[in-house]
Amino acid sequence: MTRLESLKDRVQQYPYKKSALKLTEAEFDEMVAFIEENDELGHLEFEYAVNRMFLSKKEKPKHAFIMMELLVVCNFAVHGRRRTYEDPK
């Protein structure tokens, strides 16, 4: 499963469906474009990019935090859980 497929899957499921319905078409298209631009990044690098996606913009979209949440969720769905220092496996 790719991040894009995961995004389309997650926005149809509880609890993300309610949040996704608040997004405009332009905001959803911006998420798709972000995934296409950054899909080659690893799990943590992608999450880092998500956390900084609006820093260089003067105005954030109205639902910026919902967009960021959905991007992190789709990243996690594809790449699984994070590894920690205590759990090197």
Protein backbone atom coordinates (compact mmCIF):
# COMPACT_ATOMS: atom_id res chain seq x y z
CA MET A 1 0.00 0.00 0.00
CA THR A 2 1.28 3.46 -0.87
CA ARG A 3 0.77 6.63 1.13
CA LEU A 4 -1.69 7.91 -1.46
CA GLU A 5 -3.76 4.71 -1.30
CA SER A 6 -3.59 4.85 2.47
CA LEU A 7 -4.83 8.45 2.49
CA LYS A 8 -7.81 7.58 0.31
CA ASP A 9 -8.54 4.58 2.56
CA ARG A 10 -8.21 6.44 5.86
CA VAL A 11 -10.48 9.34 4.93
CA GLN A 12 -13.32 6.83 4.54
CA GLN A 13 -12.87 5.31 8.02
CA TYR A 14 -13.86 6.35 11.50
CA PRO A 15 -12.62 8.59 13.15
CA TYR A 16 -10.94 10.37 10.24
CA LYS A 17 -13.98 10.57 7.97
CA LYS A 18 -15.56 13.33 10.06
CA SER A 19 -12.38 15.38 9.91
CA ALA A 20 -11.85 14.73 6.21
CA LEU A 21 -15.34 16.00 5.38
CA LYS A 22 -14.30 19.43 6.69
CA LEU A 23 -11.54 19.74 4.07
CA THR A 24 -12.07 21.65 0.87
CA GLU A 25 -11.17 20.10 -2.47
CA ALA A 26 -8.15 22.41 -2.71
CA GLU A 27 -6.89 21.28 0.71
CA PHE A 28 -7.26 17.63 -0.24
CA ASP A 29 -5.45 18.29 -3.53
CA GLU A 30 -2.66 19.97 -1.57
CA MET A 31 -2.28 16.83 0.56
CA VAL A 32 -2.11 14.65 -2.56
CA ALA A 33 0.51 16.95 -4.09
CA PHE A 34 2.51 16.84 -0.84
CA ILE A 35 2.49 13.03 -0.87
CA GLU A 36 3.56 12.94 -4.52
CA GLU A 37 6.45 15.34 -3.83
CA ASN A 38 7.68 13.57 -0.68
CA ASP A 39 6.76 9.93 -1.27
CA GLU A 40 10.39 8.86 -1.64
CA LEU A 41 11.17 9.92 1.95
CA GLY A 42 11.44 7.39 4.75
CA HIS A 43 8.97 7.17 7.62
CA LEU A 44 10.58 9.70 9.96
CA GLU A 45 11.74 12.04 7.19
CA PHE A 46 8.19 12.19 5.83
CA GLU A 47 6.80 13.00 9.27
CA TYR A 48 9.46 15.70 9.70
CA ALA A 49 8.41 17.20 6.35
CA VAL A 50 4.75 17.14 7.40
CA ASN A 51 5.57 19.02 10.59
CA ARG A 52 7.27 21.73 8.54
CA MET A 53 4.99 21.89 5.51
CA PHE A 54 3.44 25.25 6.44
CA LEU A 55 6.42 27.00 8.02
CA SER A 56 7.47 28.77 4.83
CA LYS A 57 3.94 29.87 3.91
CA LYS A 58 2.54 33.19 5.09
CA GLU A 59 -0.98 31.84 5.40
CA LYS A 60 -1.93 28.35 6.47
CA PRO A 61 -5.06 26.70 5.13
CA LYS A 62 -8.02 26.83 7.49
CA HIS A 63 -7.78 23.09 8.20
CA ALA A 64 -3.99 22.80 8.30
CA PHE A 65 -3.93 20.67 11.44
CA ILE A 66 -6.45 18.21 10.02
CA MET A 67 -4.34 17.94 6.88
CA MET A 68 -1.21 17.28 8.92
CA GLU A 69 -2.99 14.68 11.04
CA LEU A 70 -4.23 12.79 8.00
CA LEU A 71 -0.78 12.83 6.40
CA VAL A 72 0.83 11.43 9.54
CA VAL A 73 -1.87 8.77 9.84
CA CYS A 74 -1.42 7.61 6.25
CA ASN A 75 2.36 7.54 6.72
CA PHE A 76 1.98 5.41 9.83
CA ALA A 77 -0.45 3.06 8.06
CA VAL A 78 2.15 2.35 5.37
CA HIS A 79 5.31 2.17 7.43
CA GLY A 80 4.05 0.82 10.73
CA ARG A 81 5.08 1.83 14.18
CA ARG A 82 8.05 3.94 15.09
CA ARG A 83 11.20 2.41 16.37
CA THR A 84 12.54 3.71 19.65
CA TYR A 85 15.89 3.42 21.33
CA GLU A 86 14.47 0.86 23.75
CA ASP A 87 12.95 -1.22 20.91
CA PRO A 88 15.63 -1.61 18.20
CA LYS A 89 13.70 -4.30 16.25
